[in-house]
Amino acid sequence: MAADGLIEPVVNAAIVLVALLNLLCGYRAVRGPTVPDRVVALDAIATNVVAIAVLFAIKTDRPLFVTVSLVLAIIAFLSTVAVAKFVTEGDIIVTQE
């Protein structure tokens, strides 16, 4: 019973903390000195958004947000792989001759 009353303030504090981390990552994405720094910052932002969705699912007791966070994680992973390949090779799709 005591844990039920403790979960909501902890989840609220975690949402605020992750949102602040998102702001810091946004700063790095805008001011990053190199392209890989910006890519890592965007990946961290995507991870933080997934964390916010899961925390919101816990807070509101709606499991739909967990499904949404899984889809966001998959999209973020694929976009990170695509951007990393573009940065390293200069092209995303390479045709074999």
PDB file of N, CA and C in Angstrom:
ATOM      1  N   MET A   1       0.816  -1.193   0.000  1.00  0.00           N
ATOM      2  CA  MET A   1       0.000   0.000   0.000  1.00  0.00           C
ATOM      3  C   MET A   1       0.864   1.263   0.000  1.00  0.00           C
ATOM      4  N   ALA A   2       1.968   1.236   0.756  1.00  0.00           N
ATOM      5  CA  ALA A   2       2.823   2.416   0.808  1.00  0.00           C
ATOM      6  C   ALA A   2       3.540   2.630  -0.509  1.00  0.00           C
ATOM      7  N   ALA A   3       3.796   1.536  -1.247  1.00  0.00           N
ATOM      8  CA  ALA A   3       4.483   1.667  -2.523  1.00  0.00           C
ATOM      9  C   ALA A   3       3.611   2.366  -3.550  1.00  0.00           C
ATOM     10  N   ASP A   4       2.285   2.198  -3.465  1.00  0.00           N
ATOM     11  CA  ASP A   4       1.402   2.870  -4.412  1.00  0.00           C
ATOM     12  C   ASP A   4       1.509   4.383  -4.289  1.00  0.00           C
ATOM     13  N   GLY A   5       1.626   4.874  -3.103  1.00  0.00           N
ATOM     14  CA  GLY A   5       1.749   6.308  -2.904  1.00  0.00           C
ATOM     15  C   GLY A   5       3.115   6.836  -3.275  1.00  0.00           C
ATOM     16  N   LEU A   6       4.101   5.946  -3.307  1.00  0.00           N
ATOM     17  CA  LEU A   6       5.467   6.362  -3.606  1.00  0.00           C
ATOM     18  C   LEU A   6       5.755   6.353  -5.103  1.00  0.00           C
ATOM     19  N   ILE A   7       5.008   5.571  -5.847  1.00  0.00           N
ATOM     20  CA  ILE A   7       5.301   5.425  -7.274  1.00  0.00           C
ATOM     21  C   ILE A   7       5.048   6.730  -8.035  1.00  0.00           C
ATOM     22  N   GLU A   8       3.957   7.392  -7.765  1.00  0.00           N
ATOM     23  CA  GLU A   8       3.596   8.575  -8.546  1.00  0.00           C
ATOM     24  C   GLU A   8       4.622   9.711  -8.423  1.00  0.00           C
ATOM     25  N   PRO A   9       5.085  10.067  -7.226  1.00  0.00           N
ATOM     26  CA  PRO A   9       6.117  11.127  -7.174  1.00  0.00           C
ATOM     27  C   PRO A   9       7.423  10.721  -7.830  1.00  0.00           C
ATOM     28  N   VAL A  10       7.780   9.436  -7.728  1.00  0.00           N
ATOM     29  CA  VAL A  10       9.021   8.976  -8.364  1.00  0.00           C
ATOM     30  C   VAL A  10       8.893   9.032  -9.878  1.00  0.00           C
ATOM     31  N   VAL A  11       7.750   8.621 -10.402  1.00  0.00           N
ATOM     32  CA  VAL A  11       7.536   8.668 -11.853  1.00  0.00           C
ATOM     33  C   VAL A  11       7.517  10.113 -12.332  1.00  0.00           C
ATOM     34  N   ASN A  12       6.870  10.990 -11.580  1.00  0.00           N
ATOM     35  CA  ASN A  12       6.861  12.406 -11.966  1.00  0.00           C
ATOM     36  C   ASN A  12       8.270  12.999 -11.969  1.00  0.00           C
ATOM     37  N   ALA A  13       9.049  12.662 -10.960  1.00  0.00           N
ATOM     38  CA  ALA A  13      10.430  13.161 -10.912  1.00  0.00           C
ATOM     39  C   ALA A  13      11.254  12.592 -12.061  1.00  0.00           C
ATOM     40  N   ALA A  14      11.023  11.330 -12.404  1.00  0.00           N
ATOM     41  CA  ALA A  14      11.755  10.724 -13.511  1.00  0.00           C
ATOM     42  C   ALA A  14      11.379  11.366 -14.842  1.00  0.00           C
ATOM     43  N   ILE A  15      10.105  11.703 -15.013  1.00  0.00           N
ATOM     44  CA  ILE A  15       9.683  12.372 -16.253  1.00  0.00           C
ATOM     45  C   ILE A  15      10.364  13.732 -16.373  1.00  0.00           C
ATOM     46  N   VAL A  16      10.424  14.469 -15.280  1.00  0.00           N
ATOM     47  CA  VAL A  16      11.080  15.782 -15.304  1.00  0.00           C
ATOM     48  C   VAL A  16      12.572  15.635 -15.599  1.00  0.00           C
ATOM     49  N   LEU A  17      13.206  14.650 -14.973  1.00  0.00           N
ATOM     50  CA  LEU A  17      14.640  14.423 -15.186  1.00  0.00           C
ATOM     51  C   LEU A  17      14.924  14.049 -16.644  1.00  0.00           C
ATOM     52  N   VAL A  18      14.130  13.161 -17.195  1.00  0.00           N
ATOM     53  CA  VAL A  18      14.342  12.743 -18.586  1.00  0.00           C
ATOM     54  C   VAL A  18      14.072  13.912 -19.540  1.00  0.00           C
ATOM     55  N   ALA A  19      13.089  14.742 -19.218  1.00  0.00           N
ATOM     56  CA  ALA A  19      12.823  15.914 -20.057  1.00  0.00           C
ATOM     57  C   ALA A  19      14.004  16.886 -20.025  1.00  0.00           C
ATOM     58  N   LEU A  20      14.606  17.070 -18.849  1.00  0.00           N
ATOM     59  CA  LEU A  20      15.796  17.931 -18.767  1.00  0.00           C
ATOM     60  C   LEU A  20      16.961  17.342 -19.558  1.00  0.00           C
ATOM     61  N   LEU A  21      17.125  16.037 -19.485  1.00  0.00           N
ATOM     62  CA  LEU A  21      18.173  15.388 -20.274  1.00  0.00           C
ATOM     63  C   LEU A  21      17.908  15.559 -21.764  1.00  0.00           C
ATOM     64  N   ASN A  22      16.635  15.544 -22.131  1.00  0.00           N
ATOM     65  CA  ASN A  22      16.273  15.771 -23.532  1.00  0.00           C
ATOM     66  C   ASN A  22      16.692  17.168 -23.979  1.00  0.00           C
ATOM     67  N   LEU A  23      16.544  18.150 -23.106  1.00  0.00           N
ATOM     68  CA  LEU A  23      16.969  19.509 -23.448  1.00  0.00           C
ATOM     69  C   LEU A  23      18.478  19.580 -23.656  1.00  0.00           C
ATOM     70  N   LEU A  24      19.224  18.908 -22.785  1.00  0.00           N
ATOM     71  CA  LEU A  24      20.681  18.897 -22.941  1.00  0.00           C
ATOM     72  C   LEU A  24      21.089  18.209 -24.241  1.00  0.00           C
ATOM     73  N   CYS A  25      20.419  17.123 -24.560  1.00  0.00           N
ATOM     74  CA  CYS A  25      20.724  16.426 -25.817  1.00  0.00           C
ATOM     75  C   CYS A  25      20.332  17.291 -27.019  1.00  0.00           C
ATOM     76  N   GLY A  26      19.268  18.060 -26.871  1.00  0.00           N
ATOM     77  CA  GLY A  26      18.875  18.979 -27.938  1.00  0.00           C
ATOM     78  C   GLY A  26      19.933  20.045 -28.176  1.00  0.00           C
ATOM     79  N   TYR A  27      20.527  20.519 -27.091  1.00  0.00           N
ATOM     80  CA  TYR A  27      21.618  21.487 -27.227  1.00  0.00           C
ATOM     81  C   TYR A  27      22.789  20.878 -27.988  1.00  0.00           C
ATOM     82  N   ARG A  28      23.129  19.624 -27.650  1.00  0.00           N
ATOM     83  CA  ARG A  28      24.236  18.957 -28.334  1.00  0.00           C
ATOM     84  C   ARG A  28      23.885  18.690 -29.800  1.00  0.00           C
ATOM     85  N   ALA A  29      22.622  18.406 -30.079  1.00  0.00           N
ATOM     86  CA  ALA A  29      22.219  18.155 -31.469  1.00  0.00           C
ATOM     87  C   ALA A  29      22.316  19.417 -32.308  1.00  0.00           C
ATOM     88  N   VAL A  30      22.050  20.556 -31.694  1.00  0.00           N
ATOM     89  CA  VAL A  30      22.109  21.821 -32.441  1.00  0.00           C
ATOM     90  C   VAL A  30      23.541  22.323 -32.541  1.00  0.00           C
ATOM     91  N   ARG A  31      24.289  22.291 -31.425  1.00  0.00           N
ATOM     92  CA  ARG A  31      25.619  22.883 -31.366  1.00  0.00           C
ATOM     93  C   ARG A  31      26.761  21.879 -31.507  1.00  0.00           C
ATOM     94  N   GLY A  32      26.432  20.610 -31.761  1.00  0.00           N
ATOM     95  CA  GLY A  32      27.468  19.582 -31.827  1.00  0.00           C
ATOM     96  C   GLY A  32      28.563  19.954 -32.809  1.00  0.00           C
ATOM     97  N   PRO A  33      29.798  19.787 -32.417  1.00  0.00           N
ATOM     98  CA  PRO A  33      30.857  20.212 -33.326  1.00  0.00           C
ATOM     99  C   PRO A  33      30.987  19.311 -34.547  1.00  0.00           C
ATOM    100  N   THR A  34      30.613  18.041 -34.427  1.00  0.00           N
ATOM    101  CA  THR A  34      30.739  17.140 -35.563  1.00  0.00           C
ATOM    102  C   THR A  34      29.413  16.441 -35.828  1.00  0.00           C
ATOM    103  N   VAL A  35      29.320  15.854 -36.998  1.00  0.00           N
ATOM    104  CA  VAL A  35      28.092  15.136 -37.352  1.00  0.00           C
ATOM    105  C   VAL A  35      27.865  13.915 -36.447  1.00  0.00           C
ATOM    106  N   PRO A  36      28.898  13.107 -36.135  1.00  0.00           N
ATOM    107  CA  PRO A  36      28.639  11.991 -35.216  1.00  0.00           C
ATOM    108  C   PRO A  36      28.123  12.433 -33.845  1.00  0.00           C
ATOM    109  N   ASP A  37      28.578  13.576 -33.356  1.00  0.00           N
ATOM    110  CA  ASP A  37      28.036  14.084 -32.086  1.00  0.00           C
ATOM    111  C   ASP A  37      26.539  14.342 -32.201  1.00  0.00           C
ATOM    112  N   ARG A  38      26.153  14.919 -33.317  1.00  0.00           N
ATOM    113  CA  ARG A  38      24.724  15.202 -33.521  1.00  0.00           C
ATOM    114  C   ARG A  38      23.919  13.924 -33.655  1.00  0.00           C
ATOM    115  N   VAL A  39      24.479  12.919 -34.318  1.00  0.00           N
ATOM    116  CA  VAL A  39      23.779  11.640 -34.471  1.00  0.00           C
ATOM    117  C   VAL A  39      23.588  10.975 -33.117  1.00  0.00           C
ATOM    118  N   VAL A  40      24.607  10.982 -32.303  1.00  0.00           N
ATOM    119  CA  VAL A  40      24.495  10.397 -30.962  1.00  0.00           C
ATOM    120  C   VAL A  40      23.476  11.173 -30.138  1.00  0.00           C
ATOM    121  N   ALA A  41      23.461  12.483 -30.268  1.00  0.00           N
ATOM    122  CA  ALA A  41      22.485  13.293 -29.525  1.00  0.00           C
ATOM    123  C   ALA A  41      21.058  12.975 -29.973  1.00  0.00           C
ATOM    124  N   LEU A  42      20.859  12.813 -31.269  1.00  0.00           N
ATOM    125  CA  LEU A  42      19.514  12.476 -31.754  1.00  0.00           C
ATOM    126  C   LEU A  42      19.103  11.081 -31.285  1.00  0.00           C
ATOM    127  N   ASP A  43      20.047  10.151 -31.249  1.00  0.00           N
ATOM    128  CA  ASP A  43      19.740   8.815 -30.740  1.00  0.00           C
ATOM    129  C   ASP A  43      19.380   8.871 -29.263  1.00  0.00           C
ATOM    130  N   ALA A  44      20.091   9.687 -28.503  1.00  0.00           N
ATOM    131  CA  ALA A  44      19.772   9.838 -27.076  1.00  0.00           C
ATOM    132  C   ALA A  44      18.404  10.481 -26.884  1.00  0.00           C
ATOM    133  N   ILE A  45      18.066  11.440 -27.754  1.00  0.00           N
ATOM    134  CA  ILE A  45      16.731  12.059 -27.671  1.00  0.00           C
ATOM    135  C   ILE A  45      15.652  11.011 -27.924  1.00  0.00           C
ATOM    136  N   ALA A  46      15.863  10.162 -28.923  1.00  0.00           N
ATOM    137  CA  ALA A  46      14.883   9.114 -29.216  1.00  0.00           C
ATOM    138  C   ALA A  46      14.739   8.153 -28.039  1.00  0.00           C
ATOM    139  N   THR A  47      15.860   7.811 -27.420  1.00  0.00           N
ATOM    140  CA  THR A  47      15.809   6.924 -26.257  1.00  0.00           C
ATOM    141  C   THR A  47      15.065   7.589 -25.102  1.00  0.00           C
ATOM    142  N   ASN A  48      15.297   8.875 -24.912  1.00  0.00           N
ATOM    143  CA  ASN A  48      14.604   9.594 -23.840  1.00  0.00           C
ATOM    144  C   ASN A  48      13.103   9.684 -24.104  1.00  0.00           C
ATOM    145  N   VAL A  49      12.717   9.841 -25.363  1.00  0.00           N
ATOM    146  CA  VAL A  49      11.294   9.885 -25.688  1.00  0.00           C
ATOM    147  C   VAL A  49      10.644   8.535 -25.390  1.00  0.00           C
ATOM    148  N   VAL A  50      11.354   7.456 -25.692  1.00  0.00           N
ATOM    149  CA  VAL A  50      10.841   6.125 -25.349  1.00  0.00           C
ATOM    150  C   VAL A  50      10.687   5.994 -23.833  1.00  0.00           C
ATOM    151  N   ALA A  51      11.660   6.483 -23.093  1.00  0.00           N
ATOM    152  CA  ALA A  51      11.578   6.423 -21.632  1.00  0.00           C
ATOM    153  C   ALA A  51      10.398   7.234 -21.111  1.00  0.00           C
ATOM    154  N   ILE A  52      10.169   8.405 -21.703  1.00  0.00           N
ATOM    155  CA  ILE A  52       9.020   9.220 -21.277  1.00  0.00           C
ATOM    156  C   ILE A  52       7.715   8.497 -21.563  1.00  0.00           C
ATOM    157  N   ALA A  53       7.624   7.821 -22.714  1.00  0.00           N
ATOM    158  CA  ALA A  53       6.397   7.086 -23.041  1.00  0.00           C
ATOM    159  C   ALA A  53       6.154   5.957 -22.049  1.00  0.00           C
ATOM    160  N   VAL A  54       7.214   5.252 -21.666  1.00  0.00           N
ATOM    161  CA  VAL A  54       7.055   4.162 -20.691  1.00  0.00           C
ATOM    162  C   VAL A  54       6.671   4.725 -19.317  1.00  0.00           C
ATOM    163  N   LEU A  55       7.308   5.804 -18.923  1.00  0.00           N
ATOM    164  CA  LEU A  55       6.955   6.414 -17.637  1.00  0.00           C
ATOM    165  C   LEU A  55       5.522   6.926 -17.635  1.00  0.00           C
ATOM    166  N   PHE A  56       5.085   7.472 -18.769  1.00  0.00           N
ATOM    167  CA  PHE A  56       3.698   7.929 -18.856  1.00  0.00           C
ATOM    168  C   PHE A  56       2.735   6.751 -18.795  1.00  0.00           C
ATOM    169  N   ALA A  57       3.129   5.608 -19.389  1.00  0.00           N
ATOM    170  CA  ALA A  57       2.306   4.401 -19.296  1.00  0.00           C
ATOM    171  C   ALA A  57       2.186   3.936 -17.851  1.00  0.00           C
ATOM    172  N   ILE A  58       3.279   4.027 -17.115  1.00  0.00           N
ATOM    173  CA  ILE A  58       3.230   3.646 -15.695  1.00  0.00           C
ATOM    174  C   ILE A  58       2.353   4.609 -14.916  1.00  0.00           C
ATOM    175  N   LYS A  59       2.501   5.893 -15.213  1.00  0.00           N
ATOM    176  CA  LYS A  59       1.750   6.909 -14.471  1.00  0.00           C
ATOM    177  C   LYS A  59       0.247   6.809 -14.715  1.00  0.00           C
ATOM    178  N   THR A  60      -0.145   6.594 -15.973  1.00  0.00           N
ATOM    179  CA  THR A  60      -1.565   6.582 -16.315  1.00  0.00           C
ATOM    180  C   THR A  60      -2.164   5.186 -16.312  1.00  0.00           C
ATOM    181  N   ASP A  61      -1.332   4.163 -16.120  1.00  0.00           N
ATOM    182  CA  ASP A  61      -1.774   2.763 -16.112  1.00  0.00           C
ATOM    183  C   ASP A  61      -2.455   2.392 -17.435  1.00  0.00           C
ATOM    184  N   ARG A  62      -1.875   2.858 -18.535  1.00  0.00           N
ATOM    185  CA  ARG A  62      -2.373   2.525 -19.871  1.00  0.00           C
ATOM    186  C   ARG A  62      -1.262   1.790 -20.627  1.00  0.00           C
ATOM    187  N   PRO A  63      -1.442   0.499 -20.873  1.00  0.00           N
ATOM    188  CA  PRO A  63      -0.390  -0.267 -21.545  1.00  0.00           C
ATOM    189  C   PRO A  63      -0.199   0.089 -23.014  1.00  0.00           C
ATOM    190  N   LEU A  64      -1.106   0.845 -23.593  1.00  0.00           N
ATOM    191  CA  LEU A  64      -0.957   1.243 -25.002  1.00  0.00           C
ATOM    192  C   LEU A  64       0.324   2.038 -25.218  1.00  0.00           C
ATOM    193  N   PHE A  65       0.718   2.826 -24.246  1.00  0.00           N
ATOM    194  CA  PHE A  65       1.925   3.638 -24.396  1.00  0.00           C
ATOM    195  C   PHE A  65       3.199   2.799 -24.412  1.00  0.00           C
ATOM    196  N   VAL A  66       3.133   1.616 -23.835  1.00  0.00           N
ATOM    197  CA  VAL A  66       4.284   0.706 -23.919  1.00  0.00           C
ATOM    198  C   VAL A  66       4.437   0.219 -25.362  1.00  0.00           C
ATOM    199  N   THR A  67       3.324  -0.095 -25.999  1.00  0.00           N
ATOM    200  CA  THR A  67       3.369  -0.501 -27.407  1.00  0.00           C
ATOM    201  C   THR A  67       3.889   0.634 -28.270  1.00  0.00           C
ATOM    202  N   VAL A  68       3.421   1.829 -28.004  1.00  0.00           N
ATOM    203  CA  VAL A  68       3.898   2.998 -28.756  1.00  0.00           C
ATOM    204  C   VAL A  68       5.394   3.189 -28.542  1.00  0.00           C
ATOM    205  N   SER A  69       5.853   2.979 -27.326  1.00  0.00           N
ATOM    206  CA  SER A  69       7.286   3.148 -27.059  1.00  0.00           C
ATOM    207  C   SER A  69       8.114   2.090 -27.774  1.00  0.00           C
ATOM    208  N   LEU A  70       7.591   0.866 -27.909  1.00  0.00           N
ATOM    209  CA  LEU A  70       8.311  -0.156 -28.658  1.00  0.00           C
ATOM    210  C   LEU A  70       8.440   0.211 -30.130  1.00  0.00           C
ATOM    211  N   VAL A  71       7.371   0.737 -30.703  1.00  0.00           N
ATOM    212  CA  VAL A  71       7.422   1.158 -32.105  1.00  0.00           C
ATOM    213  C   VAL A  71       8.409   2.321 -32.272  1.00  0.00           C
ATOM    214  N   LEU A  72       8.386   3.254 -31.328  1.00  0.00           N
ATOM    215  CA  LEU A  72       9.339   4.371 -31.379  1.00  0.00           C
ATOM    216  C   LEU A  72      10.777   3.876 -31.265  1.00  0.00           C
ATOM    217  N   ALA A  73      11.003   2.878 -30.431  1.00  0.00           N
ATOM    218  CA  ALA A  73      12.365   2.337 -30.283  1.00  0.00           C
ATOM    219  C   ALA A  73      12.835   1.671 -31.568  1.00  0.00           C
ATOM    220  N   ILE A  74      11.946   0.956 -32.230  1.00  0.00           N
ATOM    221  CA  ILE A  74      12.323   0.308 -33.499  1.00  0.00           C
ATOM    222  C   ILE A  74      12.646   1.361 -34.553  1.00  0.00           C
ATOM    223  N   ILE A  75      11.806   2.380 -34.657  1.00  0.00           N
ATOM    224  CA  ILE A  75      12.049   3.440 -35.643  1.00  0.00           C
ATOM    225  C   ILE A  75      13.353   4.174 -35.327  1.00  0.00           C
ATOM    226  N   ALA A  76      13.605   4.433 -34.076  1.00  0.00           N
ATOM    227  CA  ALA A  76      14.840   5.127 -33.696  1.00  0.00           C
ATOM    228  C   ALA A  76      16.061   4.282 -34.016  1.00  0.00           C
ATOM    229  N   PHE A  77      15.978   2.970 -33.779  1.00  0.00           N
ATOM    230  CA  PHE A  77      17.107   2.096 -34.083  1.00  0.00           C
ATOM    231  C   PHE A  77      17.387   2.076 -35.585  1.00  0.00           C
ATOM    232  N   LEU A  78      16.341   1.925 -36.376  1.00  0.00           N
ATOM    233  CA  LEU A  78      16.534   1.883 -37.831  1.00  0.00           C
ATOM    234  C   LEU A  78      17.084   3.207 -38.357  1.00  0.00           C
ATOM    235  N   SER A  79      16.589   4.312 -37.843  1.00  0.00           N
ATOM    236  CA  SER A  79      17.095   5.608 -38.310  1.00  0.00           C
ATOM    237  C   SER A  79      18.541   5.827 -37.878  1.00  0.00           C
ATOM    238  N   THR A  80      18.897   5.367 -36.705  1.00  0.00           N
ATOM    239  CA  THR A  80      20.283   5.500 -36.256  1.00  0.00           C
ATOM    240  C   THR A  80      21.216   4.672 -37.131  1.00  0.00           C
ATOM    241  N   VAL A  81      20.809   3.459 -37.466  1.00  0.00           N
ATOM    242  CA  VAL A  81      21.628   2.618 -38.336  1.00  0.00           C
ATOM    243  C   VAL A  81      21.770   3.260 -39.712  1.00  0.00           C
ATOM    244  N   ALA A  82      20.683   3.808 -40.239  1.00  0.00           N
ATOM    245  CA  ALA A  82      20.735   4.441 -41.556  1.00  0.00           C
ATOM    246  C   ALA A  82      21.645   5.664 -41.552  1.00  0.00           C
ATOM    247  N   VAL A  83      21.529   6.488 -40.543  1.00  0.00           N
ATOM    248  CA  VAL A  83      22.369   7.689 -40.478  1.00  0.00           C
ATOM    249  C   VAL A  83      23.828   7.317 -40.254  1.00  0.00           C
ATOM    250  N   ALA A  84      24.087   6.310 -39.430  1.00  0.00           N
ATOM    251  CA  ALA A  84      25.471   5.880 -39.205  1.00  0.00           C
ATOM    252  C   ALA A  84      26.088   5.340 -40.490  1.00  0.00           C
ATOM    253  N   LYS A  85      25.311   4.592 -41.261  1.00  0.00           N
ATOM    254  CA  LYS A  85      25.824   4.088 -42.531  1.00  0.00           C
ATOM    255  C   LYS A  85      26.063   5.232 -43.511  1.00  0.00           C
ATOM    256  N   PHE A  86      25.184   6.214 -43.500  1.00  0.00           N
ATOM    257  CA  PHE A  86      25.364   7.370 -44.380  1.00  0.00           C
ATOM    258  C   PHE A  86      26.614   8.155 -43.989  1.00  0.00           C
ATOM    259  N   VAL A  87      26.854   8.302 -42.705  1.00  0.00           N
ATOM    260  CA  VAL A  87      28.020   9.060 -42.256  1.00  0.00           C
ATOM    261  C   VAL A  87      29.311   8.320 -42.596  1.00  0.00           C
ATOM    262  N   THR A  88      29.318   6.992 -42.438  1.00  0.00           N
ATOM    263  CA  THR A  88      30.555   6.249 -42.665  1.00  0.00           C
ATOM    264  C   THR A  88      30.825   5.963 -44.132  1.00  0.00           C
ATOM    265  N   GLU A  89      29.771   5.674 -44.914  1.00  0.00           N
ATOM    266  CA  GLU A  89      29.970   5.271 -46.302  1.00  0.00           C
ATOM    267  C   GLU A  89      29.502   6.308 -47.316  1.00  0.00           C
ATOM    268  N   GLY A  90      28.752   7.295 -46.893  1.00  0.00           N
ATOM    269  CA  GLY A  90      28.289   8.317 -47.815  1.00  0.00           C
ATOM    270  C   GLY A  90      27.043   7.946 -48.587  1.00  0.00           C
ATOM    271  N   ASP A  91      26.539   6.736 -48.378  1.00  0.00           N
ATOM    272  CA  ASP A  91      25.327   6.297 -49.059  1.00  0.00           C
ATOM    273  C   ASP A  91      24.645   5.256 -48.176  1.00  0.00           C
ATOM    274  N   ILE A  92      23.325   5.220 -48.224  1.00  0.00           N
ATOM    275  CA  ILE A  92      22.599   4.269 -47.385  1.00  0.00           C
ATOM    276  C   ILE A  92      22.444   2.927 -48.091  1.00  0.00           C
ATOM    277  N   ILE A  93      22.030   2.964 -49.348  1.00  0.00           N
ATOM    278  CA  ILE A  93      21.836   1.739 -50.116  1.00  0.00           C
ATOM    279  C   ILE A  93      22.958   1.637 -51.134  1.00  0.00           C
ATOM    280  N   VAL A  94      23.742   0.581 -51.030  1.00  0.00           N
ATOM    281  CA  VAL A  94      24.862   0.369 -51.940  1.00  0.00           C
ATOM    282  C   VAL A  94      24.497  -0.785 -52.870  1.00  0.00           C
ATOM    283  N   THR A  95      24.573  -0.548 -54.166  1.00  0.00           N
ATOM    284  CA  THR A  95      24.263  -1.609 -55.123  1.00  0.00           C
ATOM    285  C   THR A  95      25.534  -2.370 -55.474  1.00  0.00           C
ATOM    286  N   GLN A  96      25.410  -3.672 -55.611  1.00  0.00           N
ATOM    287  CA  GLN A  96      26.537  -4.514 -55.989  1.00  0.00           C
ATOM    288  C   GLN A  96      26.609  -4.608 -57.513  1.00  0.00           C
ATOM    289  N   GLU A  97      27.776  -4.432 -58.065  1.00  0.00           N
ATOM    290  CA  GLU A  97      27.922  -4.532 -59.519  1.00  0.00           C
ATOM    291  C   GLU A  97      28.591  -5.819 -59.906  1.00  0.00           C
TER     292      GLU A  97
END
